[in-house]
């Protein structure tokens, strides 16, 4: 009887989640789910109003904008989260001032690069739209420093309310603008209005903060010193994350890019949650603990497994029912069904890599993020052109899977050196995901809801 009680106690200890962690996860999860429902509904409405080629153009513009931002990223938010001086007004005002200067500087750089970008893609409509990217840079630069401060304090209730608020405002702006003017100019106007909301809303996250322009040389050196590896990591991370879309925009139609973008946006729902969880829970928690090596691995293993089980069930279901899921979109976007299994598997691998990456950041090893993203980029550079010439856009989805494997392998090597590794756990979880996807597919096929299991992970020609 005693042995049974002891076993039960151990099992309960492994599944028990501390109240504070449960509360943070609750805010992070609920906020993220609401935002994703809002964005999903927005995309669903927009696909009824707008043609796929308009989505393709905006995907390219967004990728270019994010790219230019990351090419000047010195890790201001990461500095605030990791620095013990973050609550000093001189520190966070120095960080905010550097952020503002960066935003206006990016606007100037964009104007200088417009002829180069326009010539590379050679599309007259795109050339007319490019100057408006400067507005996004200025808005991002003027965002409050309260968001990273709230993340440092693990005040996820504040960040969740902020994200839900600006996502709702942005959704209304996009839908109304597209409905009034169902063309690229309406979509651009809505995007600009949508970008105003997070900037304005950010000043309500930590209302007690008094922003003022100033540069403290000591803190500026600290920020830039930490940020050099974040800068390298951000540049390579952007290229690794967006290389497929940037290259596809040159070699396939904007309509095909728009269809690919819908598949990616659906799978990114899962991947971006891991980014959020890693940045707001894993990174600050690891940075705050003194545990290292095998002790840290033991503390993280079962929490990580709990998250993996939930994620793999959700992604397996998403992959298995891909052709059913895509039916809710306008028929012009139904070709995205064959891409979903591949981008879904890539999203799963991205989840594993992102959790590992934020662990390394928390341990003060940001250079491993750069190495991992470099490996992913190399994989895309090698595999994407090979597949694109033979199978068209469908191969881009397959190439992302191989590239994510390379990123994961690179991060795993770094973790092994620090004696904090989860390779066995991740391999078993990946095998379980694939097996579950085929099992669900067989069941849904038997009841006539989806196609046959053999149709999963096909690559057929589509341009």
Protein backbone atom coordinates (compact mmCIF):
# COMPACT_ATOMS: atom_id res chain seq x y z
CA UNK A 1 0.00 0.00 0.00
CA UNK A 2 2.84 2.33 0.85
CA UNK A 3 4.51 1.62 -2.48
CA UNK A 4 1.27 2.44 -4.30
CA UNK A 5 0.95 5.72 -2.41
CA UNK A 6 4.55 6.61 -3.19
CA UNK A 7 4.07 5.86 -6.89
CA UNK A 8 0.89 7.94 -7.00
CA UNK A 9 2.66 10.83 -5.30
CA UNK A 10 5.48 10.70 -7.83
CA UNK A 11 3.07 10.64 -10.76
CA UNK A 12 1.15 13.61 -9.36
CA UNK A 13 4.41 15.50 -8.84
CA UNK A 14 5.34 14.99 -12.49
CA UNK A 15 2.02 16.22 -13.89
CA UNK A 16 1.52 18.97 -11.30
CA UNK A 17 2.18 22.47 -12.57
CA UNK A 18 3.02 25.19 -10.01
CA UNK A 19 0.25 27.77 -9.61
CA UNK A 20 2.42 30.72 -10.67
CA UNK A 21 3.60 28.92 -13.82
CA UNK A 22 0.07 27.75 -14.56
CA UNK A 23 -1.21 31.31 -14.29
CA UNK A 24 1.48 32.61 -16.65
CA UNK A 25 0.84 29.82 -19.14
CA UNK A 26 -2.88 30.53 -18.86
CA UNK A 27 -2.44 34.18 -19.79
CA UNK A 28 0.06 33.39 -22.55
CA UNK A 29 -2.13 30.65 -24.03
CA UNK A 30 -5.49 32.42 -23.77
CA UNK A 31 -4.10 35.66 -25.16
CA UNK A 32 -2.40 33.87 -28.01
CA UNK A 33 -5.49 31.81 -28.87
CA UNK A 34 -7.73 34.87 -28.97
CA UNK A 35 -5.26 36.71 -31.20
CA UNK A 36 -5.01 33.75 -33.55
CA UNK A 37 -8.80 33.41 -33.77
CA UNK A 38 -9.02 37.11 -34.63
CA UNK A 39 -6.30 36.82 -37.27
CA UNK A 40 -7.77 33.64 -38.70
CA UNK A 41 -11.19 35.25 -39.00
CA UNK A 42 -9.59 38.31 -40.60
CA UNK A 43 -7.77 36.22 -43.20
CA UNK A 44 -10.93 34.27 -43.88
CA UNK A 45 -12.86 37.47 -44.59
CA UNK A 46 -10.03 38.98 -46.64
CA UNK A 47 -9.75 35.89 -48.87
CA UNK A 48 -13.40 36.42 -49.74
CA UNK A 49 -12.72 40.04 -50.70
CA UNK A 50 -9.23 39.96 -52.21
CA UNK A 51 -7.58 37.92 -54.97
CA UNK A 52 -4.56 35.65 -54.15
CA UNK A 53 -2.11 37.91 -56.01
CA UNK A 54 -2.87 40.77 -53.59
CA UNK A 55 -1.96 38.50 -50.67
CA UNK A 56 1.22 37.60 -52.52
CA UNK A 57 2.25 41.24 -52.87
CA UNK A 58 1.59 41.98 -49.20
CA UNK A 59 3.49 38.85 -48.14
CA UNK A 60 6.51 40.12 -50.05
CA UNK A 61 6.19 43.65 -48.63
CA UNK A 62 5.89 42.30 -45.10
CA UNK A 63 8.92 40.05 -45.59
CA UNK A 64 10.98 42.95 -46.89
CA UNK A 65 9.89 45.20 -44.03
CA UNK A 66 10.66 42.61 -41.34
CA UNK A 67 13.96 41.89 -43.05
CA UNK A 68 15.12 45.49 -42.96
CA UNK A 69 14.10 45.73 -39.30
CA UNK A 70 16.05 42.61 -38.36
CA UNK A 71 19.08 43.70 -40.35
CA UNK A 72 19.46 46.51 -37.81
CA UNK A 73 18.37 44.55 -34.73
CA UNK A 74 20.68 44.99 -31.75
CA UNK A 75 18.49 43.02 -29.36
CA UNK A 76 16.95 45.94 -27.45
CA UNK A 77 14.03 43.85 -26.14
CA UNK A 78 16.33 40.94 -25.25
CA UNK A 79 18.64 43.36 -23.45
CA UNK A 80 15.80 44.65 -21.31
CA UNK A 81 14.66 41.12 -20.43
CA UNK A 82 18.13 39.84 -19.54
CA UNK A 83 19.77 42.88 -17.92
CA UNK A 84 19.73 43.31 -14.12
CA UNK A 85 19.68 47.09 -14.76
CA UNK A 86 16.48 47.01 -16.83
CA UNK A 87 14.34 48.81 -14.22
CA UNK A 88 16.76 51.74 -14.02
CA UNK A 89 15.12 54.67 -15.92
CA UNK A 90 18.47 55.56 -17.43
CA UNK A 91 18.78 52.05 -18.86
CA UNK A 92 15.32 51.66 -20.33
CA UNK A 93 15.26 55.23 -21.64
CA UNK A 94 18.61 54.62 -23.32
CA UNK A 95 17.16 51.45 -24.86
CA UNK A 96 14.02 53.31 -25.98
CA UNK A 97 16.07 56.16 -27.49
CA UNK A 98 18.21 53.71 -29.47
CA UNK A 99 15.00 52.07 -30.68
CA UNK A 100 13.54 55.41 -31.85
CA UNK A 101 16.76 56.37 -33.65
CA UNK A 102 16.83 52.99 -35.32
CA UNK A 103 13.26 53.41 -36.57
CA UNK A 104 13.91 56.76 -38.22
CA UNK A 105 17.26 55.55 -39.54
CA UNK A 106 15.56 52.60 -41.20
CA UNK A 107 13.18 54.97 -42.95
CA UNK A 108 16.13 56.77 -44.53
CA UNK A 109 17.88 53.54 -45.49
CA UNK A 110 14.69 52.27 -47.13
CA UNK A 111 14.53 55.26 -49.46
CA UNK A 112 18.12 54.64 -50.49
CA UNK A 113 17.40 50.96 -51.23
CA UNK A 114 14.17 51.48 -53.17
CA UNK A 115 15.78 51.45 -56.64
CA UNK A 116 17.68 48.21 -55.86
CA UNK A 117 14.63 46.38 -54.49
CA UNK A 118 12.37 47.62 -57.28
CA UNK A 119 14.85 46.52 -59.95
CA UNK A 120 15.28 43.05 -58.44
CA UNK A 121 11.57 42.21 -58.57
CA UNK A 122 10.70 44.32 -61.60
CA UNK A 123 7.01 44.75 -60.73
CA UNK A 124 5.57 48.26 -61.30
CA UNK A 125 2.90 47.94 -58.60
CA UNK A 126 5.46 46.82 -56.06
CA UNK A 127 7.68 49.75 -56.99
CA UNK A 128 4.83 52.16 -56.17
CA UNK A 129 4.19 50.54 -52.80
CA UNK A 130 7.75 50.36 -51.51
CA UNK A 131 8.05 54.00 -50.26
CA UNK A 132 5.23 53.39 -47.79
CA UNK A 133 7.36 50.89 -45.87
CA UNK A 134 9.04 53.81 -44.11
CA UNK A 135 5.84 54.45 -42.15
CA UNK A 136 6.04 50.99 -40.58
CA UNK A 137 9.64 51.54 -39.45
CA UNK A 138 8.86 54.83 -37.72
CA UNK A 139 5.85 53.31 -35.93
CA UNK A 140 7.90 50.33 -34.73
CA UNK A 141 10.66 52.61 -33.50
CA UNK A 142 8.24 54.68 -31.44
CA UNK A 143 6.77 51.67 -29.60
CA UNK A 144 6.93 51.86 -25.80
CA UNK A 145 9.70 50.07 -23.92
CA UNK A 146 6.99 48.82 -21.54
CA UNK A 147 6.47 45.56 -23.45
CA UNK A 148 9.92 44.02 -22.77
CA UNK A 149 9.78 45.34 -19.19
CA UNK A 150 6.47 43.52 -18.67
CA UNK A 151 7.98 40.34 -20.13
CA UNK A 152 10.97 40.63 -17.78
CA UNK A 153 8.59 40.88 -14.84
CA UNK A 154 6.63 37.90 -16.23
CA UNK A 155 3.54 40.13 -16.23
CA UNK A 156 1.93 38.06 -18.97
CA UNK A 157 -1.54 39.32 -18.08
CA UNK A 158 -0.48 42.76 -19.30
CA UNK A 159 1.14 41.50 -22.49
CA UNK A 160 -1.86 39.29 -23.29
CA UNK A 161 -4.33 42.17 -22.91
CA UNK A 162 -2.10 44.33 -25.11
CA UNK A 163 -1.90 41.73 -27.87
CA UNK A 164 -5.64 41.05 -27.90
CA UNK A 165 -6.45 44.77 -28.00
CA UNK A 166 -4.20 45.70 -30.89
CA UNK A 167 -5.05 42.54 -32.84
CA UNK A 168 -8.76 43.39 -32.62
CA UNK A 169 -8.20 46.99 -33.73
CA UNK A 170 -5.92 45.85 -36.56
CA UNK A 171 -8.50 43.33 -37.74
CA UNK A 172 -11.22 45.94 -37.98
CA UNK A 173 -8.89 48.33 -39.83
CA UNK A 174 -7.87 45.69 -42.40
CA UNK A 175 -11.39 44.43 -43.11
CA UNK A 176 -12.95 47.88 -43.39
CA UNK A 177 -10.17 49.18 -45.65
CA UNK A 178 -10.33 46.11 -47.92
CA UNK A 179 -14.14 46.28 -48.08
CA UNK A 180 -14.14 49.99 -48.99
CA UNK A 181 -11.31 49.56 -51.51
CA UNK A 182 -10.83 45.89 -52.55
CA UNK A 183 -7.44 46.42 -54.16
CA UNK A 184 -3.80 46.64 -53.12
CA UNK A 185 -4.18 50.26 -51.97
CA UNK A 186 -7.01 49.35 -49.63
CA UNK A 187 -4.95 46.50 -48.21
CA UNK A 188 -1.95 48.81 -47.75
CA UNK A 189 -4.06 51.45 -46.02
CA UNK A 190 -5.47 48.83 -43.67
CA UNK A 191 -1.98 47.53 -42.91
CA UNK A 192 -0.75 51.01 -41.99
CA UNK A 193 -3.74 51.61 -39.73
CA UNK A 194 -3.21 48.16 -38.21
CA UNK A 195 0.41 49.09 -37.41
CA UNK A 196 -0.64 52.24 -35.58
CA UNK A 197 -2.59 50.26 -32.97
CA UNK A 198 0.31 48.31 -31.37
CA UNK A 199 2.38 51.49 -31.12
CA UNK A 200 -0.39 53.39 -29.35
CA UNK A 201 -1.50 50.44 -27.20
CA UNK A 202 2.06 49.72 -26.05
CA UNK A 203 2.07 52.87 -23.88
CA UNK A 204 -0.72 51.44 -21.73
CA UNK A 205 1.14 48.24 -20.78
CA UNK A 206 3.27 49.89 -18.08
CA UNK A 207 1.66 53.32 -17.64
CA UNK A 208 4.04 54.31 -14.83
CA UNK A 209 7.04 54.48 -17.18
CA UNK A 210 8.18 57.99 -18.10
CA UNK A 211 9.75 57.90 -21.56
CA UNK A 212 12.35 60.48 -22.45
CA UNK A 213 15.07 60.69 -25.05
CA UNK A 214 18.53 60.16 -23.55
CA UNK A 215 21.72 58.15 -24.05
CA UNK A 216 23.70 56.84 -21.10
CA UNK A 217 27.06 55.78 -22.53
CA UNK A 218 27.63 52.97 -20.05
CA UNK A 219 24.24 51.42 -20.69
CA UNK A 220 24.51 52.02 -24.43
CA UNK A 221 27.76 50.03 -24.50
CA UNK A 222 26.09 47.26 -22.49
CA UNK A 223 23.15 47.11 -24.90
CA UNK A 224 25.31 47.13 -28.01
CA UNK A 225 27.77 44.62 -26.53
CA UNK A 226 25.03 42.10 -25.80
CA UNK A 227 23.28 42.90 -29.04
CA UNK A 228 26.11 42.07 -31.44
CA UNK A 229 25.26 38.35 -31.43
CA UNK A 230 21.54 39.14 -31.42
CA UNK A 231 22.15 41.26 -34.53
CA UNK A 232 23.91 38.42 -36.30
CA UNK A 233 21.25 35.96 -35.17
CA UNK A 234 18.41 38.27 -36.28
CA UNK A 235 19.84 38.80 -39.75
CA UNK A 236 20.35 35.12 -40.35
CA UNK A 237 17.05 34.25 -38.65
CA UNK A 238 15.16 36.56 -40.99
CA UNK A 239 16.81 35.12 -44.07
CA UNK A 240 16.16 31.59 -42.83
CA UNK A 241 12.52 32.36 -42.03
CA UNK A 242 11.71 34.32 -45.18
CA UNK A 243 14.12 33.05 -47.83
CA UNK A 244 11.42 30.86 -49.36
CA UNK A 245 8.96 33.74 -49.75
CA UNK A 246 11.56 36.20 -51.02
CA UNK A 247 12.84 33.79 -53.67
CA UNK A 248 9.41 32.50 -54.67
CA UNK A 249 8.28 36.08 -55.29
CA UNK A 250 10.85 36.29 -58.07
CA UNK A 251 10.19 32.93 -59.75
CA UNK A 252 6.46 32.21 -59.32
CA UNK A 253 3.32 34.30 -59.73
CA UNK A 254 2.01 36.47 -56.90
CA UNK A 255 -1.14 34.31 -56.93
CA UNK A 256 0.95 31.19 -56.24
CA UNK A 257 2.85 33.07 -53.53
CA UNK A 258 -0.46 34.09 -51.97
CA UNK A 259 -1.60 30.43 -51.84
CA UNK A 260 1.73 29.42 -50.31
CA UNK A 261 1.33 32.26 -47.83
CA UNK A 262 -2.06 30.94 -46.68
CA UNK A 263 -0.54 27.51 -45.99
CA UNK A 264 2.35 29.10 -44.10
CA UNK A 265 0.04 31.37 -42.09
CA UNK A 266 -2.00 28.37 -40.93
CA UNK A 267 1.07 26.43 -39.81
CA UNK A 268 2.61 29.53 -38.25
CA UNK A 269 -0.22 29.55 -35.72
CA UNK A 270 1.57 26.65 -34.01
CA UNK A 271 5.14 27.78 -34.62
CA UNK A 272 4.60 31.33 -33.41
CA UNK A 273 3.08 30.10 -30.17
CA UNK A 274 6.38 28.40 -29.40
CA UNK A 275 8.15 31.68 -30.21
CA UNK A 276 5.87 33.48 -27.76
CA UNK A 277 6.20 30.80 -25.09
CA UNK A 278 9.97 30.73 -25.51
CA UNK A 279 10.40 34.51 -25.37
CA UNK A 280 7.96 35.16 -22.53
CA UNK A 281 8.37 32.05 -20.34
CA UNK A 282 11.42 29.90 -21.20
CA UNK A 283 13.95 32.69 -21.83
CA UNK A 284 13.21 34.83 -18.72
CA UNK A 285 12.75 31.75 -16.49
CA UNK A 286 16.09 30.19 -17.50
CA UNK A 287 17.81 33.57 -17.24
CA UNK A 288 16.53 33.90 -13.66
CA UNK A 289 17.55 30.41 -12.44
CA UNK A 290 20.96 29.34 -11.20
CA UNK A 291 20.51 25.70 -12.25
CA UNK A 292 22.80 24.47 -15.01
CA UNK A 293 23.73 21.26 -16.81
CA UNK A 294 22.00 18.03 -15.82
CA UNK A 295 20.10 19.77 -13.00
CA UNK A 296 18.54 22.24 -15.43
CA UNK A 297 17.71 19.43 -17.86
CA UNK A 298 15.86 17.54 -15.13
CA UNK A 299 13.90 20.64 -14.15
CA UNK A 300 12.81 21.33 -17.73
CA UNK A 301 12.30 17.84 -19.18
CA UNK A 302 8.83 16.97 -17.93
CA UNK A 303 7.43 20.52 -18.43
CA UNK A 304 8.77 20.43 -21.95
CA UNK A 305 7.19 17.02 -22.54
CA UNK A 306 3.80 18.27 -21.34
CA UNK A 307 3.90 21.07 -23.88
CA UNK A 308 5.08 18.69 -26.61
CA UNK A 309 2.16 16.32 -26.09
CA UNK A 310 -0.37 19.12 -26.53
CA UNK A 311 1.47 20.54 -29.55
CA UNK A 312 1.94 17.23 -31.36
CA UNK A 313 -1.72 16.28 -31.00
CA UNK A 314 -2.80 19.65 -32.42
CA UNK A 315 -0.33 19.58 -35.33
CA UNK A 316 -1.06 15.93 -36.15
CA UNK A 317 -4.74 16.76 -36.42
CA UNK A 318 -3.95 19.80 -38.55
CA UNK A 319 -1.79 17.77 -40.95
CA UNK A 320 -4.29 14.89 -41.18
CA UNK A 321 -7.28 17.11 -42.00
CA UNK A 322 -5.47 19.54 -44.32
CA UNK A 323 -7.83 19.19 -47.28
CA UNK A 324 -10.84 19.58 -44.97
CA UNK A 325 -9.38 22.64 -43.22
CA UNK A 326 -8.66 24.49 -46.46
CA UNK A 327 -12.27 24.15 -47.62
CA UNK A 328 -13.30 27.01 -45.34
CA UNK A 329 -11.34 29.35 -47.60
CA UNK A 330 -12.41 30.68 -50.97
CA UNK A 331 -11.92 27.99 -53.72
CA UNK A 332 -9.11 30.08 -55.23
CA UNK A 333 -6.95 29.06 -52.24
CA UNK A 334 -7.72 25.31 -52.13
CA UNK A 335 -4.41 24.35 -53.78
CA UNK A 336 -2.77 25.15 -50.44
CA UNK A 337 -4.00 21.76 -49.13
CA UNK A 338 -1.06 19.81 -50.57
CA UNK A 339 1.39 22.23 -48.93
CA UNK A 340 -0.07 22.02 -45.42
CA UNK A 341 1.42 18.63 -44.34
CA UNK A 342 4.91 19.85 -45.19
CA UNK A 343 4.62 23.28 -43.58
CA UNK A 344 2.90 21.63 -40.59
CA UNK A 345 5.84 19.27 -40.09
CA UNK A 346 8.23 22.21 -40.51
CA UNK A 347 6.25 24.10 -37.86
CA UNK A 348 6.69 21.18 -35.44
CA UNK A 349 10.45 21.14 -35.99
CA UNK A 350 10.50 24.92 -35.58
CA UNK A 351 8.77 24.50 -32.21
CA UNK A 352 11.50 22.14 -31.02
CA UNK A 353 14.25 24.43 -32.29
CA UNK A 354 12.67 27.56 -30.79
CA UNK A 355 12.40 26.00 -27.35
CA UNK A 356 16.07 24.99 -27.59
CA UNK A 357 17.05 28.43 -28.86
CA UNK A 358 15.41 30.29 -25.98
CA UNK A 359 17.04 27.91 -23.55
CA UNK A 360 20.42 28.88 -24.99
CA UNK A 361 19.53 32.58 -24.78
CA UNK A 362 18.61 32.12 -21.12
CA UNK A 363 22.00 30.50 -20.55
CA UNK A 364 23.69 33.55 -22.08
CA UNK A 365 24.69 31.82 -25.32
CA UNK A 366 23.02 33.91 -28.08
CA UNK A 367 25.62 32.87 -30.67
CA UNK A 368 24.02 29.42 -30.92
CA UNK A 369 20.89 31.11 -32.27
CA UNK A 370 22.99 32.58 -35.06
CA UNK A 371 24.58 29.21 -35.80
CA UNK A 372 21.20 27.46 -35.90
CA UNK A 373 19.64 30.04 -38.20
CA UNK A 374 22.71 29.88 -40.45
CA UNK A 375 22.29 26.13 -40.78
CA UNK A 376 18.62 26.56 -41.68
CA UNK A 377 19.44 29.23 -44.26
CA UNK A 378 22.09 26.98 -45.81
CA UNK A 379 19.50 24.23 -46.09
CA UNK A 380 17.07 26.53 -47.88
CA UNK A 381 19.74 27.84 -50.24
CA UNK A 382 20.65 24.27 -51.20
CA UNK A 383 17.28 22.49 -51.25
CA UNK A 384 14.84 25.18 -52.36
CA UNK A 385 16.28 25.85 -55.85
CA UNK A 386 16.68 22.11 -56.50
CA UNK A 387 13.07 21.38 -55.67
CA UNK A 388 11.67 24.53 -57.27
CA UNK A 389 13.03 23.65 -60.71
CA UNK A 390 11.46 20.16 -60.63
CA UNK A 391 8.25 20.50 -58.61
CA UNK A 392 7.43 24.19 -58.44
CA UNK A 393 6.14 25.88 -55.30
CA UNK A 394 5.22 22.60 -53.58
CA UNK A 395 8.93 21.86 -53.15
CA UNK A 396 9.36 25.04 -51.11
CA UNK A 397 7.27 23.48 -48.35
CA UNK A 398 9.39 20.32 -48.42
CA UNK A 399 12.60 22.34 -48.36
CA UNK A 400 11.55 24.07 -45.13
CA UNK A 401 11.39 20.69 -43.38
CA UNK A 402 14.97 19.77 -44.36
CA UNK A 403 16.17 23.24 -43.40
CA UNK A 404 14.53 23.01 -39.95
CA UNK A 405 16.25 19.65 -39.38
CA UNK A 406 19.60 21.32 -40.00
CA UNK A 407 18.75 24.14 -37.58
CA UNK A 408 17.71 21.67 -34.89
CA UNK A 409 20.90 19.64 -35.32
CA UNK A 410 23.07 22.71 -34.88
CA UNK A 411 21.28 23.78 -31.69
CA UNK A 412 21.40 20.22 -30.36
CA UNK A 413 25.20 20.22 -30.67
CA UNK A 414 25.36 23.40 -28.58
CA UNK A 415 23.06 21.95 -25.95
CA UNK A 416 25.13 18.78 -25.75
CA UNK A 417 28.19 20.88 -24.97
CA UNK A 418 26.29 22.49 -22.09
CA UNK A 419 24.96 19.09 -20.94
CA UNK A 420 21.32 20.15 -21.42
CA UNK A 421 19.95 18.03 -24.25
CA UNK A 422 16.53 16.69 -25.24
CA UNK A 423 17.32 14.76 -28.46
CA UNK A 424 15.79 11.45 -27.37
CA UNK A 425 12.62 13.17 -26.18
CA UNK A 426 12.29 15.12 -29.42
CA UNK A 427 12.89 12.13 -31.72
CA UNK A 428 10.23 10.07 -29.95
CA UNK A 429 7.78 12.97 -30.00
CA UNK A 430 8.34 13.53 -33.74
CA UNK A 431 7.75 9.85 -34.49
CA UNK A 432 4.56 9.98 -32.40
CA UNK A 433 3.36 13.04 -34.32
CA UNK A 434 3.79 11.39 -37.74
CA UNK A 435 2.16 8.15 -36.59
CA UNK A 436 -0.76 10.04 -35.06
CA UNK A 437 -1.23 12.13 -38.22
CA UNK A 438 -1.59 9.01 -40.36
CA UNK A 439 -3.89 7.38 -37.80
CA UNK A 440 -6.20 10.42 -37.74
CA UNK A 441 -6.06 10.58 -41.53
CA UNK A 442 -7.14 6.94 -41.80
CA UNK A 443 -10.10 7.54 -39.50
CA UNK A 444 -11.22 10.72 -41.30
CA UNK A 445 -10.82 8.96 -44.65
CA UNK A 446 -13.03 6.10 -43.50
CA UNK A 447 -15.83 8.51 -42.62
CA UNK A 448 -15.42 10.44 -45.88
CA UNK A 449 -14.10 13.64 -44.35
CA UNK A 450 -10.67 13.70 -46.03
CA UNK A 451 -8.66 12.01 -48.77
CA UNK A 452 -6.64 8.83 -48.38
CA UNK A 453 -3.64 8.60 -45.99
CA UNK A 454 -1.33 8.07 -48.98
CA UNK A 455 -2.07 11.61 -50.16
CA UNK A 456 -0.24 13.11 -47.20
CA UNK A 457 3.24 14.52 -47.86
CA UNK A 458 2.89 14.39 -51.64
CA UNK A 459 4.77 16.84 -53.83
CA UNK A 460 3.06 17.52 -57.13
CA UNK A 461 3.83 20.20 -59.65
CA UNK A 462 2.22 23.56 -58.94
CA UNK A 463 3.47 26.92 -60.15
